[in-house]
PDB file of all heavy atoms in Angstrom:
ATOM      1  N   VAL A   1     -35.624 110.536  16.676  1.00  0.00           N
ATOM      2  CA  VAL A   1     -34.176 110.363  16.529  1.00  0.00           C
ATOM      3  C   VAL A   1     -33.848 109.331  15.459  1.00  0.00           C
ATOM      4  O   VAL A   1     -32.947 109.533  14.644  1.00  0.00           O
ATOM      5  CB  VAL A   1     -33.545 109.932  17.874  1.00  0.00           C
ATOM      6  CG1 VAL A   1     -32.023 109.885  17.755  1.00  0.00           C
ATOM      7  CG2 VAL A   1     -33.965 110.869  18.986  1.00  0.00           C
ATOM      8  N   ILE A   2     -34.571 108.217  15.474  1.00  0.00           N
ATOM      9  CA  ILE A   2     -34.352 107.132  14.511  1.00  0.00           C
ATOM     10  C   ILE A   2     -35.701 106.768  13.899  1.00  0.00           C
ATOM     11  O   ILE A   2     -36.705 106.688  14.609  1.00  0.00           O
ATOM     12  CB  ILE A   2     -33.735 105.894  15.191  1.00  0.00           C
ATOM     13  CG1 ILE A   2     -32.409 106.254  15.882  1.00  0.00           C
ATOM     14  CG2 ILE A   2     -33.502 104.773  14.173  1.00  0.00           C
ATOM     15  CD1 ILE A   2     -31.831 105.123  16.718  1.00  0.00           C
ATOM     16  N   GLU A   3     -35.710 106.540  12.591  1.00  0.00           N
ATOM     17  CA  GLU A   3     -36.963 106.183  11.931  1.00  0.00           C
ATOM     18  C   GLU A   3     -36.685 105.243  10.755  1.00  0.00           C
ATOM     19  O   GLU A   3     -35.832 105.518   9.905  1.00  0.00           O
ATOM     20  CB  GLU A   3     -37.676 107.443  11.440  1.00  0.00           C
ATOM     21  CG  GLU A   3     -39.094 107.195  10.951  1.00  0.00           C
ATOM     22  CD  GLU A   3     -39.854 108.483  10.712  1.00  0.00           C
ATOM     23  OE1 GLU A   3     -39.210 109.483  10.317  1.00  0.00           O
ATOM     24  OE2 GLU A   3     -41.075 108.513  10.938  1.00  0.00           O
ATOM     25  N   ASN A   4     -37.388 104.116  10.759  1.00  0.00           N
ATOM     26  CA  ASN A   4     -37.296 103.146   9.661  1.00  0.00           C
ATOM     27  C   ASN A   4     -35.854 102.740   9.365  1.00  0.00           C
ATOM     28  O   ASN A   4     -35.380 102.797   8.220  1.00  0.00           O
ATOM     29  CB  ASN A   4     -37.942 103.708   8.392  1.00  0.00           C
ATOM     30  CG  ASN A   4     -39.422 103.979   8.581  1.00  0.00           C
ATOM     31  OD1 ASN A   4     -40.106 103.254   9.292  1.00  0.00           O
ATOM     32  ND2 ASN A   4     -39.918 105.040   7.964  1.00  0.00           N
ATOM     33  N   LEU A   5     -35.167 102.333  10.414  1.00  0.00           N
ATOM     34  CA  LEU A   5     -33.781 101.871  10.286  1.00  0.00           C
ATOM     35  C   LEU A   5     -33.762 100.354  10.346  1.00  0.00           C
ATOM     36  O   LEU A   5     -34.209  99.756  11.327  1.00  0.00           O
ATOM     37  CB  LEU A   5     -32.915 102.449  11.408  1.00  0.00           C
ATOM     38  CG  LEU A   5     -31.465 101.975  11.442  1.00  0.00           C
ATOM     39  CD1 LEU A   5     -30.711 102.448  10.199  1.00  0.00           C
ATOM     40  CD2 LEU A   5     -30.765 102.473  12.704  1.00  0.00           C
ATOM     41  N   LYS A   6     -33.240  99.750   9.282  1.00  0.00           N
ATOM     42  CA  LYS A   6     -33.240  98.292   9.223  1.00  0.00           C
ATOM     43  C   LYS A   6     -31.958  97.795   8.570  1.00  0.00           C
ATOM     44  O   LYS A   6     -31.580  98.263   7.493  1.00  0.00           O
ATOM     45  CB  LYS A   6     -34.452  97.801   8.427  1.00  0.00           C
ATOM     46  CG  LYS A   6     -34.565  96.278   8.327  1.00  0.00           C
ATOM     47  CD  LYS A   6     -35.724  95.858   7.434  1.00  0.00           C
ATOM     48  CE  LYS A   6     -37.061  96.256   8.035  1.00  0.00           C
ATOM     49  NZ  LYS A   6     -38.204  95.681   7.257  1.00  0.00           N
ATOM     50  N   PHE A   7     -31.287  96.854   9.234  1.00  0.00           N
ATOM     51  CA  PHE A   7     -30.149  96.168   8.628  1.00  0.00           C
ATOM     52  C   PHE A   7     -29.850  94.915   9.435  1.00  0.00           C
ATOM     53  O   PHE A   7     -30.337  94.742  10.557  1.00  0.00           O
ATOM     54  CB  PHE A   7     -28.910  97.067   8.534  1.00  0.00           C
ATOM     55  CG  PHE A   7     -28.329  97.525   9.847  1.00  0.00           C
ATOM     56  CD1 PHE A   7     -27.359  96.777  10.512  1.00  0.00           C
ATOM     57  CD2 PHE A   7     -28.734  98.723  10.423  1.00  0.00           C
ATOM     58  CE1 PHE A   7     -26.806  97.209  11.704  1.00  0.00           C
ATOM     59  CE2 PHE A   7     -28.194  99.167  11.622  1.00  0.00           C
ATOM     60  CZ  PHE A   7     -27.231  98.406  12.268  1.00  0.00           C
ATOM     61  N   SER A   8     -29.059  94.036   8.842  1.00  0.00           N
ATOM     62  CA  SER A   8     -28.684  92.789   9.503  1.00  0.00           C
ATOM     63  C   SER A   8     -27.174  92.696   9.611  1.00  0.00           C
ATOM     64  O   SER A   8     -26.432  93.307   8.827  1.00  0.00           O
ATOM     65  CB  SER A   8     -29.214  91.580   8.717  1.00  0.00           C
ATOM     66  OG  SER A   8     -30.621  91.575   8.688  1.00  0.00           O
ATOM     67  N   LEU A   9     -26.734  91.929  10.573  1.00  0.00           N
ATOM     68  CA  LEU A   9     -25.308  91.714  10.812  1.00  0.00           C
ATOM     69  C   LEU A   9     -25.053  90.216  10.761  1.00  0.00           C
ATOM     70  O   LEU A   9     -25.766  89.444  11.410  1.00  0.00           O
ATOM     71  CB  LEU A   9     -24.933  92.272  12.183  1.00  0.00           C
ATOM     72  CG  LEU A   9     -23.448  92.465  12.499  1.00  0.00           C
ATOM     73  CD1 LEU A   9     -22.874  93.559  11.617  1.00  0.00           C
ATOM     74  CD2 LEU A   9     -23.275  92.852  13.967  1.00  0.00           C
ATOM     75  N   THR A  10     -24.083  89.795   9.963  1.00  0.00           N
ATOM     76  CA  THR A  10     -23.779  88.374   9.883  1.00  0.00           C
ATOM     77  C   THR A  10     -22.735  87.989  10.928  1.00  0.00           C
ATOM     78  O   THR A  10     -22.026  88.842  11.468  1.00  0.00           O
ATOM     79  CB  THR A  10     -23.267  87.985   8.482  1.00  0.00           C
ATOM     80  OG1 THR A  10     -22.102  88.754   8.172  1.00  0.00           O
ATOM     81  CG2 THR A  10     -24.333  88.244   7.434  1.00  0.00           C
ATOM     82  N   THR A  11     -22.639  86.716  11.197  1.00  0.00           N
ATOM     83  CA  THR A  11     -21.743  86.214  12.225  1.00  0.00           C
ATOM     84  C   THR A  11     -20.293  86.589  11.920  1.00  0.00           C
ATOM     85  O   THR A  11     -19.816  86.415  10.794  1.00  0.00           O
ATOM     86  CB  THR A  11     -21.872  84.685  12.335  1.00  0.00           C
ATOM     87  OG1 THR A  11     -23.226  84.359  12.624  1.00  0.00           O
ATOM     88  CG2 THR A  11     -20.982  84.142  13.434  1.00  0.00           C
ATOM     89  N   ASN A  12     -19.616  87.118  12.928  1.00  0.00           N
ATOM     90  CA  ASN A  12     -18.190  87.464  12.873  1.00  0.00           C
ATOM     91  C   ASN A  12     -17.876  88.593  11.883  1.00  0.00           C
ATOM     92  O   ASN A  12     -16.738  88.728  11.430  1.00  0.00           O
ATOM     93  CB  ASN A  12     -17.335  86.238  12.543  1.00  0.00           C
ATOM     94  CG  ASN A  12     -17.489  85.134  13.564  1.00  0.00           C
ATOM     95  OD1 ASN A  12     -17.857  85.382  14.711  1.00  0.00           O
ATOM     96  ND2 ASN A  12     -17.219  83.905  13.160  1.00  0.00           N
ATOM     97  N   GLN A  13     -18.869  89.406  11.572  1.00  0.00           N
ATOM     98  CA  GLN A  13     -18.669  90.524  10.650  1.00  0.00           C
ATOM     99  C   GLN A  13     -18.348  91.799  11.420  1.00  0.00           C
ATOM    100  O   GLN A  13     -18.932  92.072  12.467  1.00  0.00           O
ATOM    101  CB  GLN A  13     -19.921  90.729   9.804  1.00  0.00           C
ATOM    102  CG  GLN A  13     -19.740  91.685   8.640  1.00  0.00           C
ATOM    103  CD  GLN A  13     -20.967  91.728   7.754  1.00  0.00           C
ATOM    104  OE1 GLN A  13     -22.079  91.930   8.224  1.00  0.00           O
ATOM    105  NE2 GLN A  13     -20.772  91.535   6.459  1.00  0.00           N
ATOM    106  N   PHE A  14     -17.403  92.581  10.890  1.00  0.00           N
ATOM    107  CA  PHE A  14     -16.999  93.852  11.498  1.00  0.00           C
ATOM    108  C   PHE A  14     -17.670  94.970  10.698  1.00  0.00           C
ATOM    109  O   PHE A  14     -17.356  95.178   9.528  1.00  0.00           O
ATOM    110  CB  PHE A  14     -15.474  94.006  11.441  1.00  0.00           C
ATOM    111  CG  PHE A  14     -14.915  94.983  12.449  1.00  0.00           C
ATOM    112  CD1 PHE A  14     -13.939  94.579  13.339  1.00  0.00           C
ATOM    113  CD2 PHE A  14     -15.362  96.300  12.501  1.00  0.00           C
ATOM    114  CE1 PHE A  14     -13.413  95.466  14.275  1.00  0.00           C
ATOM    115  CE2 PHE A  14     -14.850  97.192  13.428  1.00  0.00           C
ATOM    116  CZ  PHE A  14     -13.863  96.773  14.313  1.00  0.00           C
ATOM    117  N   VAL A  15     -18.603  95.671  11.334  1.00  0.00           N
ATOM    118  CA  VAL A  15     -19.386  96.713  10.668  1.00  0.00           C
ATOM    119  C   VAL A  15     -19.147  98.054  11.348  1.00  0.00           C
ATOM    120  O   VAL A  15     -19.263  98.172  12.574  1.00  0.00           O
ATOM    121  CB  VAL A  15     -20.889  96.365  10.684  1.00  0.00           C
ATOM    122  CG1 VAL A  15     -21.706  97.519  10.114  1.00  0.00           C
ATOM    123  CG2 VAL A  15     -21.146  95.086   9.896  1.00  0.00           C
ATOM    124  N   CYS A  16     -18.804  99.067  10.557  1.00  0.00           N
ATOM    125  CA  CYS A  16     -18.628 100.416  11.080  1.00  0.00           C
ATOM    126  C   CYS A  16     -19.813 101.286  10.694  1.00  0.00           C
ATOM    127  O   CYS A  16     -20.329 101.211   9.572  1.00  0.00           O
ATOM    128  CB  CYS A  16     -17.343 101.041  10.547  1.00  0.00           C
ATOM    129  SG  CYS A  16     -15.842 100.525  11.408  1.00  0.00           S
ATOM    130  N   LEU A  17     -20.251 102.114  11.633  1.00  0.00           N
ATOM    131  CA  LEU A  17     -21.347 103.061  11.427  1.00  0.00           C
ATOM    132  C   LEU A  17     -20.767 104.464  11.355  1.00  0.00           C
ATOM    133  O   LEU A  17     -20.032 104.887  12.248  1.00  0.00           O
ATOM    134  CB  LEU A  17     -22.343 102.986  12.586  1.00  0.00           C
ATOM    135  CG  LEU A  17     -22.896 101.605  12.946  1.00  0.00           C
ATOM    136  CD1 LEU A  17     -23.723 101.695  14.224  1.00  0.00           C
ATOM    137  CD2 LEU A  17     -23.730 101.048  11.817  1.00  0.00           C
ATOM    138  N   VAL A  18     -21.099 105.187  10.279  1.00  0.00           N
ATOM    139  CA  VAL A  18     -20.658 106.577  10.155  1.00  0.00           C
ATOM    140  C   VAL A  18     -21.868 107.437   9.807  1.00  0.00           C
ATOM    141  O   VAL A  18     -22.826 106.982   9.185  1.00  0.00           O
ATOM    142  CB  VAL A  18     -19.571 106.746   9.066  1.00  0.00           C
ATOM    143  CG1 VAL A  18     -18.323 105.956   9.414  1.00  0.00           C
ATOM    144  CG2 VAL A  18     -20.086 106.346   7.694  1.00  0.00           C
ATOM    145  N   GLY A  19     -21.806 108.684  10.254  1.00  0.00           N
ATOM    146  CA  GLY A  19     -22.910 109.604   9.989  1.00  0.00           C
ATOM    147  C   GLY A  19     -22.666 110.914  10.695  1.00  0.00           C
ATOM    148  O   GLY A  19     -21.715 111.054  11.477  1.00  0.00           O
ATOM    149  N   PRO A  20     -23.512 111.914  10.473  1.00  0.00           N
ATOM    150  CA  PRO A  20     -23.323 113.239  11.062  1.00  0.00           C
ATOM    151  C   PRO A  20     -23.332 113.195  12.596  1.00  0.00           C
ATOM    152  O   PRO A  20     -23.980 112.343  13.203  1.00  0.00           O
ATOM    153  CB  PRO A  20     -24.534 114.034  10.546  1.00  0.00           C
ATOM    154  CG  PRO A  20     -25.013 113.275   9.354  1.00  0.00           C
ATOM    155  CD  PRO A  20     -24.710 111.839   9.623  1.00  0.00           C
ATOM    156  N   SER A  21     -22.619 114.112  13.198  1.00  0.00           N
ATOM    157  CA  SER A  21     -22.619 114.225  14.660  1.00  0.00           C
ATOM    158  C   SER A  21     -24.036 114.489  15.149  1.00  0.00           C
ATOM    159  O   SER A  21     -24.767 115.301  14.573  1.00  0.00           O
ATOM    160  CB  SER A  21     -21.706 115.375  15.107  1.00  0.00           C
ATOM    161  OG  SER A  21     -20.372 115.117  14.754  1.00  0.00           O
ATOM    162  N   GLY A  22     -24.433 113.793  16.203  1.00  0.00           N
ATOM    163  CA  GLY A  22     -25.744 113.995  16.792  1.00  0.00           C
ATOM    164  C   GLY A  22     -26.890 113.329  16.072  1.00  0.00           C
ATOM    165  O   GLY A  22     -28.055 113.570  16.408  1.00  0.00           O
ATOM    166  N   CYS A  23     -26.587 112.455  15.103  1.00  0.00           N
ATOM    167  CA  CYS A  23     -27.689 111.857  14.338  1.00  0.00           C
ATOM    168  C   CYS A  23     -28.357 110.703  15.080  1.00  0.00           C
ATOM    169  O   CYS A  23     -29.463 110.290  14.717  1.00  0.00           O
ATOM    170  CB  CYS A  23     -27.197 111.386  12.969  1.00  0.00           C
ATOM    171  SG  CYS A  23     -26.110 109.954  12.982  1.00  0.00           S
ATOM    172  N   GLY A  24     -27.701 110.153  16.106  1.00  0.00           N
ATOM    173  CA  GLY A  24     -28.328 109.087  16.882  1.00  0.00           C
ATOM    174  C   GLY A  24     -27.558 107.781  16.920  1.00  0.00           C
ATOM    175  O   GLY A  24     -28.100 106.740  17.313  1.00  0.00           O
ATOM    176  N   LYS A  25     -26.278 107.802  16.576  1.00  0.00           N
ATOM    177  CA  LYS A  25     -25.487 106.564  16.534  1.00  0.00           C
ATOM    178  C   LYS A  25     -25.325 105.945  17.920  1.00  0.00           C
ATOM    179  O   LYS A  25     -25.470 104.726  18.088  1.00  0.00           O
ATOM    180  CB  LYS A  25     -24.113 106.841  15.911  1.00  0.00           C
ATOM    181  CG  LYS A  25     -24.182 107.300  14.451  1.00  0.00           C
ATOM    182  CD  LYS A  25     -22.814 107.479  13.836  1.00  0.00           C
ATOM    183  CE  LYS A  25     -22.017 108.602  14.440  1.00  0.00           C
ATOM    184  NZ  LYS A  25     -22.618 109.937  14.245  1.00  0.00           N
ATOM    185  N   THR A  26     -25.032 106.778  18.924  1.00  0.00           N
ATOM    186  CA  THR A  26     -24.897 106.252  20.282  1.00  0.00           C
ATOM    187  C   THR A  26     -26.236 105.726  20.788  1.00  0.00           C
ATOM    188  O   THR A  26     -26.294 104.690  21.456  1.00  0.00           O
ATOM    189  CB  THR A  26     -24.363 107.341  21.230  1.00  0.00           C
ATOM    190  OG1 THR A  26     -23.037 107.710  20.815  1.00  0.00           O
ATOM    191  CG2 THR A  26     -24.310 106.834  22.665  1.00  0.00           C
ATOM    192  N   THR A  27     -27.318 106.415  20.451  1.00  0.00           N
ATOM    193  CA  THR A  27     -28.652 105.931  20.814  1.00  0.00           C
ATOM    194  C   THR A  27     -28.904 104.557  20.213  1.00  0.00           C
ATOM    195  O   THR A  27     -29.432 103.655  20.878  1.00  0.00           O
ATOM    196  CB  THR A  27     -29.725 106.924  20.320  1.00  0.00           C
ATOM    197  OG1 THR A  27     -29.517 108.190  20.952  1.00  0.00           O
ATOM    198  CG2 THR A  27     -31.126 106.421  20.656  1.00  0.00           C
ATOM    199  N   LEU A  28     -28.517 104.369  18.958  1.00  0.00           N
ATOM    200  CA  LEU A  28     -28.668 103.071  18.304  1.00  0.00           C
ATOM    201  C   LEU A  28     -27.897 101.987  19.045  1.00  0.00           C
ATOM    202  O   LEU A  28     -28.428 100.899  19.305  1.00  0.00           O
ATOM    203  CB  LEU A  28     -28.182 103.163  16.858  1.00  0.00           C
ATOM    204  CG  LEU A  28     -28.049 101.836  16.104  1.00  0.00           C
ATOM    205  CD1 LEU A  28     -29.395 101.128  16.006  1.00  0.00           C
ATOM    206  CD2 LEU A  28     -27.453 102.073  14.721  1.00  0.00           C
TER     207      LEU A  28
END
């Protein structure tokens, strides 16, 4: 479902995730 996914989130940052339906966003 997920492979080699890497990113960082800074303090108080608002980040939106977009991608195809069923790609694994809820799993993430």
